[in-house]
Amino acid sequence: MKYLYIALGCLCLALGAIGTVLPILPTTPFLLATCFFFAKSSSRLNDWFLSTKLYQNNFKSLREQGAMTKKTKIRVMLTVTLLMGIGFVMMHQVLVGRIVLGIVWLLHLYIFLFRIRTLEDSSEQ
């Protein structure tokens, strides 16, 4: 099982890294999955991942303080909105799918706008 978790963690890390430069691929869910799989498989891999710039820039503040910078929140919200918008357009004949996507998108916005605190970004000051 350990090797399966390592393989899945590496796959999610690769997809998350690609998602940082390719807006069509979501970064956040893949990096969260990477955290999960590495934590389950190896403390060494988990420690390494927690020290990467990718993790530091996107999730460290959320994990430690329950908050994200405005820049990070906007980047995540825009990426999710773009991806869900593509799905919404592609499901033009599936009303139930569009309704589900709309509800998930609204919940996503609600959580990011009202449930996750916003930190001041040190580069904005």
C-alpha atoms as a PDB file:
ATOM      1  CA  MET A   1       0.000   0.000   0.000  1.00  0.00           C
ATOM      2  CA  LYS A   2       2.909   2.312   0.789  1.00  0.00           C
ATOM      3  CA  TYR A   3       4.188   2.123  -2.796  1.00  0.00           C
ATOM      4  CA  LEU A   4       0.739   2.825  -4.204  1.00  0.00           C
ATOM      5  CA  TYR A   5       0.520   5.974  -2.044  1.00  0.00           C
ATOM      6  CA  ILE A   6       3.981   7.054  -3.206  1.00  0.00           C
ATOM      7  CA  ALA A   7       3.042   6.521  -6.867  1.00  0.00           C
ATOM      8  CA  LEU A   8      -0.248   8.404  -6.467  1.00  0.00           C
ATOM      9  CA  GLY A   9       1.515  11.204  -4.581  1.00  0.00           C
ATOM     10  CA  CYS A  10       4.108  11.580  -7.351  1.00  0.00           C
ATOM     11  CA  LEU A  11       1.396  11.577 -10.024  1.00  0.00           C
ATOM     12  CA  CYS A  12      -0.614  14.229  -8.168  1.00  0.00           C
ATOM     13  CA  LEU A  13       2.518  16.306  -7.609  1.00  0.00           C
ATOM     14  CA  ALA A  14       3.353  16.209 -11.316  1.00  0.00           C
ATOM     15  CA  LEU A  15      -0.194  17.190 -12.297  1.00  0.00           C
ATOM     16  CA  GLY A  16      -0.258  19.945  -9.679  1.00  0.00           C
ATOM     17  CA  ALA A  17       3.080  21.321 -10.879  1.00  0.00           C
ATOM     18  CA  ILE A  18       1.842  21.334 -14.467  1.00  0.00           C
ATOM     19  CA  GLY A  19      -1.315  23.079 -13.248  1.00  0.00           C
ATOM     20  CA  THR A  20       0.697  26.002 -11.895  1.00  0.00           C
ATOM     21  CA  VAL A  21       1.639  27.016 -15.447  1.00  0.00           C
ATOM     22  CA  LEU A  22      -1.238  25.507 -17.410  1.00  0.00           C
ATOM     23  CA  PRO A  23      -4.515  27.173 -16.366  1.00  0.00           C
ATOM     24  CA  ILE A  24      -6.660  24.317 -17.675  1.00  0.00           C
ATOM     25  CA  LEU A  25      -5.324  21.932 -15.027  1.00  0.00           C
ATOM     26  CA  PRO A  26      -6.331  22.628 -11.421  1.00  0.00           C
ATOM     27  CA  THR A  27      -3.395  22.930  -9.041  1.00  0.00           C
ATOM     28  CA  THR A  28      -5.143  22.952  -5.669  1.00  0.00           C
ATOM     29  CA  PRO A  29      -6.833  19.533  -5.633  1.00  0.00           C
ATOM     30  CA  PHE A  30      -3.721  17.792  -6.919  1.00  0.00           C
ATOM     31  CA  LEU A  31      -1.469  19.386  -4.331  1.00  0.00           C
ATOM     32  CA  LEU A  32      -3.900  18.574  -1.547  1.00  0.00           C
ATOM     33  CA  ALA A  33      -3.960  14.972  -2.760  1.00  0.00           C
ATOM     34  CA  THR A  34      -0.145  15.024  -2.825  1.00  0.00           C
ATOM     35  CA  CYS A  35      -0.129  16.080   0.837  1.00  0.00           C
ATOM     36  CA  PHE A  36      -2.472  13.239   1.696  1.00  0.00           C
ATOM     37  CA  PHE A  37      -0.620  10.524  -0.223  1.00  0.00           C
ATOM     38  CA  PHE A  38       2.842  11.562   0.928  1.00  0.00           C
ATOM     39  CA  ALA A  39       1.690  11.813   4.560  1.00  0.00           C
ATOM     40  CA  LYS A  40       0.299   8.264   4.302  1.00  0.00           C
ATOM     41  CA  SER A  41       3.326   6.798   2.540  1.00  0.00           C
ATOM     42  CA  SER A  42       6.542   8.293   3.881  1.00  0.00           C
ATOM     43  CA  SER A  43       7.499  10.898   6.460  1.00  0.00           C
ATOM     44  CA  ARG A  44      10.580  11.703   4.365  1.00  0.00           C
ATOM     45  CA  LEU A  45       8.515  12.445   1.253  1.00  0.00           C
ATOM     46  CA  ASN A  46       6.009  14.381   3.326  1.00  0.00           C
ATOM     47  CA  ASP A  47       8.746  16.520   4.907  1.00  0.00           C
ATOM     48  CA  TRP A  48      10.288  17.123   1.483  1.00  0.00           C
ATOM     49  CA  PHE A  49       6.952  18.175  -0.028  1.00  0.00           C
ATOM     50  CA  LEU A  50       6.181  20.511   2.869  1.00  0.00           C
ATOM     51  CA  SER A  51       9.501  22.268   2.222  1.00  0.00           C
ATOM     52  CA  THR A  52       8.917  22.837  -1.511  1.00  0.00           C
ATOM     53  CA  LYS A  53       8.189  26.282  -2.898  1.00  0.00           C
ATOM     54  CA  LEU A  54       5.021  24.928  -4.487  1.00  0.00           C
ATOM     55  CA  TYR A  55       3.606  23.994  -1.088  1.00  0.00           C
ATOM     56  CA  GLN A  56       4.990  27.078   0.663  1.00  0.00           C
ATOM     57  CA  ASN A  57       3.360  29.445  -1.852  1.00  0.00           C
ATOM     58  CA  ASN A  58      -0.033  27.770  -2.012  1.00  0.00           C
ATOM     59  CA  PHE A  59      -0.895  25.878   1.155  1.00  0.00           C
ATOM     60  CA  LYS A  60       1.391  26.589   4.078  1.00  0.00           C
ATOM     61  CA  SER A  61      -0.682  29.515   5.344  1.00  0.00           C
ATOM     62  CA  LEU A  62      -3.920  27.573   4.893  1.00  0.00           C
ATOM     63  CA  ARG A  63      -2.625  24.594   6.848  1.00  0.00           C
ATOM     64  CA  GLU A  64      -0.959  26.589   9.631  1.00  0.00           C
ATOM     65  CA  GLN A  65      -3.244  29.607  10.005  1.00  0.00           C
ATOM     66  CA  GLY A  66      -6.461  28.601   8.275  1.00  0.00           C
ATOM     67  CA  ALA A  67      -6.033  31.533   5.900  1.00  0.00           C
ATOM     68  CA  MET A  68      -4.673  32.383   2.452  1.00  0.00           C
ATOM     69  CA  THR A  69      -3.285  35.513   0.845  1.00  0.00           C
ATOM     70  CA  LYS A  70      -5.572  37.474  -1.435  1.00  0.00           C
ATOM     71  CA  LYS A  71      -3.347  36.648  -4.417  1.00  0.00           C
ATOM     72  CA  THR A  72      -3.537  32.901  -3.750  1.00  0.00           C
ATOM     73  CA  LYS A  73      -7.297  32.983  -3.197  1.00  0.00           C
ATOM     74  CA  ILE A  74      -7.849  34.881  -6.441  1.00  0.00           C
ATOM     75  CA  ARG A  75      -5.602  32.499  -8.391  1.00  0.00           C
ATOM     76  CA  VAL A  76      -7.442  29.444  -7.039  1.00  0.00           C
ATOM     77  CA  MET A  77     -10.893  30.971  -7.574  1.00  0.00           C
ATOM     78  CA  LEU A  78     -10.079  32.006 -11.148  1.00  0.00           C
ATOM     79  CA  THR A  79      -8.699  28.582 -12.019  1.00  0.00           C
ATOM     80  CA  VAL A  80     -11.706  26.777 -10.584  1.00  0.00           C
ATOM     81  CA  THR A  81     -14.106  29.210 -12.253  1.00  0.00           C
ATOM     82  CA  LEU A  82     -12.399  28.718 -15.618  1.00  0.00           C
ATOM     83  CA  LEU A  83     -12.460  24.934 -15.350  1.00  0.00           C
ATOM     84  CA  MET A  84     -16.036  24.779 -14.139  1.00  0.00           C
ATOM     85  CA  GLY A  85     -17.034  27.240 -16.849  1.00  0.00           C
ATOM     86  CA  ILE A  86     -15.577  24.926 -19.481  1.00  0.00           C
ATOM     87  CA  GLY A  87     -17.487  22.009 -17.967  1.00  0.00           C
ATOM     88  CA  PHE A  88     -20.648  24.105 -17.820  1.00  0.00           C
ATOM     89  CA  VAL A  89     -20.388  25.003 -21.509  1.00  0.00           C
ATOM     90  CA  MET A  90     -19.621  21.430 -22.525  1.00  0.00           C
ATOM     91  CA  MET A  91     -22.707  20.153 -20.657  1.00  0.00           C
ATOM     92  CA  HIS A  92     -25.096  22.314 -22.632  1.00  0.00           C
ATOM     93  CA  GLN A  93     -27.512  19.395 -23.014  1.00  0.00           C
ATOM     94  CA  VAL A  94     -27.184  18.044 -19.453  1.00  0.00           C
ATOM     95  CA  LEU A  95     -29.298  20.265 -17.240  1.00  0.00           C
ATOM     96  CA  VAL A  96     -28.637  18.278 -14.057  1.00  0.00           C
ATOM     97  CA  GLY A  97     -24.878  18.491 -14.651  1.00  0.00           C
ATOM     98  CA  ARG A  98     -25.094  22.250 -15.127  1.00  0.00           C
ATOM     99  CA  ILE A  99     -27.111  22.619 -11.928  1.00  0.00           C
ATOM    100  CA  VAL A 100     -24.615  20.522  -9.946  1.00  0.00           C
ATOM    101  CA  LEU A 101     -21.666  22.482 -11.354  1.00  0.00           C
ATOM    102  CA  GLY A 102     -23.406  25.748 -10.542  1.00  0.00           C
ATOM    103  CA  ILE A 103     -24.056  24.700  -6.952  1.00  0.00           C
ATOM    104  CA  VAL A 104     -20.479  23.444  -6.481  1.00  0.00           C
ATOM    105  CA  TRP A 105     -19.121  26.688  -7.971  1.00  0.00           C
ATOM    106  CA  LEU A 106     -21.261  28.832  -5.663  1.00  0.00           C
ATOM    107  CA  LEU A 107     -20.170  26.780  -2.638  1.00  0.00           C
ATOM    108  CA  HIS A 108     -16.552  27.148  -3.721  1.00  0.00           C
ATOM    109  CA  LEU A 109     -16.924  30.931  -3.941  1.00  0.00           C
ATOM    110  CA  TYR A 110     -18.708  31.065  -0.593  1.00  0.00           C
ATOM    111  CA  ILE A 111     -15.961  29.080   1.134  1.00  0.00           C
ATOM    112  CA  PHE A 112     -13.127  31.115  -0.369  1.00  0.00           C
ATOM    113  CA  LEU A 113     -14.816  34.479   0.170  1.00  0.00           C
ATOM    114  CA  PHE A 114     -16.426  33.996   3.569  1.00  0.00           C
ATOM    115  CA  ARG A 115     -14.970  30.942   5.346  1.00  0.00           C
ATOM    116  CA  ILE A 116     -11.238  31.148   4.608  1.00  0.00           C
ATOM    117  CA  ARG A 117      -9.649  34.200   6.165  1.00  0.00           C
ATOM    118  CA  THR A 118      -7.558  36.486   3.970  1.00  0.00           C
ATOM    119  CA  LEU A 119      -3.988  37.277   4.985  1.00  0.00           C
ATOM    120  CA  GLU A 120      -2.110  40.396   4.018  1.00  0.00           C
ATOM    121  CA  ASP A 121       0.442  39.478   1.365  1.00  0.00           C
ATOM    122  CA  SER A 122       3.893  40.741   2.365  1.00  0.00           C
ATOM    123  CA  SER A 123       4.658  41.703  -1.262  1.00  0.00           C
ATOM    124  CA  GLU A 124       1.549  43.946  -1.408  1.00  0.00           C
ATOM    125  CA  GLN A 125       2.726  46.205   1.411  1.00  0.00           C
END
